[in-house]
Amino acid sequence: MLVENEQLVIKSLQECMIVCNHCLNECLAEENVAMLDCIHMNRECIQFCSYLEQAIIRKSPYAKEFAEICLSVCMDCANECKKHEHRHCQYCAEICLESAEACKTFLEV
């Protein structure tokens, strides 16, 4: 059974993955080479959020290490998305920051 803290982190990670997927798809639709870094960071963020989600669910002894990396990736994704004025990028940055905060909270327990 997952504890409340773990459930909150997973919920945040899932939202982050959904929003990053949306941002990635919108950036691909732009057909603008300037969006490539954003696309790549979204993909990384999706993957690391997924890794951490699975580590928490299976009670992996490496969950804290995954959380540290996920925190860093979420911050990097947020910083990249902040560079772009598109609404989807700005929203993605906001959600990535929330997910990074959730990772910090998970690390403190």
C-alpha atoms as a PDB file:
ATOM      1  CA  MET A   1       0.000   0.000   0.000  1.00  0.00           C
ATOM      2  CA  LEU A   2       1.300   3.410  -0.935  1.00  0.00           C
ATOM      3  CA  VAL A   3       1.499   6.053   1.768  1.00  0.00           C
ATOM      4  CA  GLU A   4      -0.107   9.447   1.234  1.00  0.00           C
ATOM      5  CA  ASN A   5       3.181  11.137   0.341  1.00  0.00           C
ATOM      6  CA  GLU A   6       3.876   8.523  -2.334  1.00  0.00           C
ATOM      7  CA  GLN A   7       0.364   8.887  -3.751  1.00  0.00           C
ATOM      8  CA  LEU A   8       0.795  12.669  -4.028  1.00  0.00           C
ATOM      9  CA  VAL A   9       4.126  12.317  -5.823  1.00  0.00           C
ATOM     10  CA  ILE A  10       2.675   9.782  -8.250  1.00  0.00           C
ATOM     11  CA  LYS A  11      -0.292  12.055  -8.983  1.00  0.00           C
ATOM     12  CA  SER A  12       2.086  14.948  -9.676  1.00  0.00           C
ATOM     13  CA  LEU A  13       4.316  12.782 -11.883  1.00  0.00           C
ATOM     14  CA  GLN A  14       1.319  11.572 -13.879  1.00  0.00           C
ATOM     15  CA  GLU A  15       0.101  15.118 -14.447  1.00  0.00           C
ATOM     16  CA  CYS A  16       3.602  16.137 -15.485  1.00  0.00           C
ATOM     17  CA  MET A  17       3.788  13.295 -18.020  1.00  0.00           C
ATOM     18  CA  ILE A  18       0.418  14.251 -19.503  1.00  0.00           C
ATOM     19  CA  VAL A  19       1.296  17.941 -19.782  1.00  0.00           C
ATOM     20  CA  CYS A  20       4.772  17.217 -21.180  1.00  0.00           C
ATOM     21  CA  ASN A  21       3.233  14.938 -23.808  1.00  0.00           C
ATOM     22  CA  HIS A  22       0.842  17.708 -24.789  1.00  0.00           C
ATOM     23  CA  CYS A  23       3.655  20.262 -24.945  1.00  0.00           C
ATOM     24  CA  LEU A  24       5.791  17.868 -26.988  1.00  0.00           C
ATOM     25  CA  ASN A  25       2.975  17.323 -29.494  1.00  0.00           C
ATOM     26  CA  GLU A  26       2.256  21.040 -29.774  1.00  0.00           C
ATOM     27  CA  CYS A  27       5.949  21.795 -30.291  1.00  0.00           C
ATOM     28  CA  LEU A  28       6.129  19.146 -33.017  1.00  0.00           C
ATOM     29  CA  ALA A  29       3.177  20.809 -34.734  1.00  0.00           C
ATOM     30  CA  GLU A  30       5.094  24.106 -34.779  1.00  0.00           C
ATOM     31  CA  GLU A  31       7.553  22.644 -37.295  1.00  0.00           C
ATOM     32  CA  ASN A  32      10.075  25.091 -35.883  1.00  0.00           C
ATOM     33  CA  VAL A  33      13.670  23.960 -35.363  1.00  0.00           C
ATOM     34  CA  ALA A  34      13.916  26.343 -32.389  1.00  0.00           C
ATOM     35  CA  MET A  35      11.524  24.031 -30.531  1.00  0.00           C
ATOM     36  CA  LEU A  36      13.804  20.975 -30.746  1.00  0.00           C
ATOM     37  CA  ASP A  37      15.356  21.514 -27.312  1.00  0.00           C
ATOM     38  CA  CYS A  38      11.894  21.817 -25.798  1.00  0.00           C
ATOM     39  CA  ILE A  39      10.796  18.620 -27.527  1.00  0.00           C
ATOM     40  CA  HIS A  40      13.845  16.731 -26.277  1.00  0.00           C
ATOM     41  CA  MET A  41      13.442  17.992 -22.708  1.00  0.00           C
ATOM     42  CA  ASN A  42       9.756  17.049 -22.688  1.00  0.00           C
ATOM     43  CA  ARG A  43      10.667  13.541 -23.787  1.00  0.00           C
ATOM     44  CA  GLU A  44      13.314  13.249 -21.063  1.00  0.00           C
ATOM     45  CA  CYS A  45      10.916  14.536 -18.434  1.00  0.00           C
ATOM     46  CA  ILE A  46       8.216  12.073 -19.465  1.00  0.00           C
ATOM     47  CA  GLN A  47      10.654   9.175 -19.224  1.00  0.00           C
ATOM     48  CA  PHE A  48      12.125  10.112 -15.859  1.00  0.00           C
ATOM     49  CA  CYS A  49       8.711  10.795 -14.337  1.00  0.00           C
ATOM     50  CA  SER A  50       7.684   7.354 -15.526  1.00  0.00           C
ATOM     51  CA  TYR A  51      10.813   5.751 -14.053  1.00  0.00           C
ATOM     52  CA  LEU A  52      10.195   7.372 -10.686  1.00  0.00           C
ATOM     53  CA  GLU A  53       6.498   6.508 -10.704  1.00  0.00           C
ATOM     54  CA  GLN A  54       7.316   2.845 -11.292  1.00  0.00           C
ATOM     55  CA  ALA A  55      10.092   2.866  -8.671  1.00  0.00           C
ATOM     56  CA  ILE A  56       7.710   4.234  -6.053  1.00  0.00           C
ATOM     57  CA  ILE A  57       4.967   1.766  -6.933  1.00  0.00           C
ATOM     58  CA  ARG A  58       7.261  -1.236  -6.664  1.00  0.00           C
ATOM     59  CA  LYS A  59       8.944   0.143  -3.503  1.00  0.00           C
ATOM     60  CA  SER A  60      12.332   0.132  -5.223  1.00  0.00           C
ATOM     61  CA  PRO A  61      15.325   0.712  -2.954  1.00  0.00           C
ATOM     62  CA  TYR A  62      16.486   3.145  -5.660  1.00  0.00           C
ATOM     63  CA  ALA A  63      13.407   5.379  -5.545  1.00  0.00           C
ATOM     64  CA  LYS A  64      15.241   8.204  -3.756  1.00  0.00           C
ATOM     65  CA  GLU A  65      18.005   8.186  -6.369  1.00  0.00           C
ATOM     66  CA  PHE A  66      15.394   8.276  -9.132  1.00  0.00           C
ATOM     67  CA  ALA A  67      13.695  11.168  -7.319  1.00  0.00           C
ATOM     68  CA  GLU A  68      16.930  13.173  -7.274  1.00  0.00           C
ATOM     69  CA  ILE A  69      17.409  12.691 -11.000  1.00  0.00           C
ATOM     70  CA  CYS A  70      13.728  13.311 -11.743  1.00  0.00           C
ATOM     71  CA  LEU A  71      13.852  16.545  -9.756  1.00  0.00           C
ATOM     72  CA  SER A  72      16.786  17.718 -11.874  1.00  0.00           C
ATOM     73  CA  VAL A  73      15.129  16.714 -15.155  1.00  0.00           C
ATOM     74  CA  CYS A  74      11.840  18.405 -14.202  1.00  0.00           C
ATOM     75  CA  MET A  75      13.732  21.606 -13.363  1.00  0.00           C
ATOM     76  CA  ASP A  76      15.630  21.469 -16.664  1.00  0.00           C
ATOM     77  CA  CYS A  77      12.400  20.896 -18.578  1.00  0.00           C
ATOM     78  CA  ALA A  78      10.729  23.800 -16.780  1.00  0.00           C
ATOM     79  CA  ASN A  79      13.669  26.079 -17.581  1.00  0.00           C
ATOM     80  CA  GLU A  80      13.592  25.107 -21.243  1.00  0.00           C
ATOM     81  CA  CYS A  81       9.832  25.548 -21.518  1.00  0.00           C
ATOM     82  CA  LYS A  82      10.038  28.972 -19.844  1.00  0.00           C
ATOM     83  CA  LYS A  83      12.129  30.176 -22.805  1.00  0.00           C
ATOM     84  CA  HIS A  84       9.132  29.852 -25.138  1.00  0.00           C
ATOM     85  CA  GLU A  85       6.101  32.115 -25.118  1.00  0.00           C
ATOM     86  CA  HIS A  86       3.646  29.440 -26.224  1.00  0.00           C
ATOM     87  CA  ARG A  87       0.879  28.883 -23.713  1.00  0.00           C
ATOM     88  CA  HIS A  88       1.486  25.128 -23.680  1.00  0.00           C
ATOM     89  CA  CYS A  89       5.184  25.664 -22.899  1.00  0.00           C
ATOM     90  CA  GLN A  90       4.443  28.084 -20.067  1.00  0.00           C
ATOM     91  CA  TYR A  91       1.901  25.684 -18.581  1.00  0.00           C
ATOM     92  CA  CYS A  92       4.332  22.795 -18.949  1.00  0.00           C
ATOM     93  CA  ALA A  93       6.991  24.794 -17.086  1.00  0.00           C
ATOM     94  CA  GLU A  94       4.532  25.398 -14.251  1.00  0.00           C
ATOM     95  CA  ILE A  95       3.609  21.716 -13.950  1.00  0.00           C
ATOM     96  CA  CYS A  96       7.240  20.604 -14.163  1.00  0.00           C
ATOM     97  CA  LEU A  97       8.088  22.931 -11.276  1.00  0.00           C
ATOM     98  CA  GLU A  98       5.239  21.437  -9.255  1.00  0.00           C
ATOM     99  CA  SER A  99       6.550  17.953 -10.010  1.00  0.00           C
ATOM    100  CA  ALA A 100      10.060  19.006  -8.958  1.00  0.00           C
ATOM    101  CA  GLU A 101       8.603  20.232  -5.662  1.00  0.00           C
ATOM    102  CA  ALA A 102       6.817  16.897  -5.222  1.00  0.00           C
ATOM    103  CA  CYS A 103      10.160  15.133  -5.764  1.00  0.00           C
ATOM    104  CA  LYS A 104      11.759  17.374  -3.098  1.00  0.00           C
ATOM    105  CA  THR A 105       8.985  16.476  -0.673  1.00  0.00           C
ATOM    106  CA  PHE A 106       9.457  12.780  -1.412  1.00  0.00           C
ATOM    107  CA  LEU A 107      13.195  13.107  -0.747  1.00  0.00           C
ATOM    108  CA  GLU A 108      12.581  14.745   2.632  1.00  0.00           C
ATOM    109  CA  VAL A 109      10.609  11.788   3.995  1.00  0.00           C
END
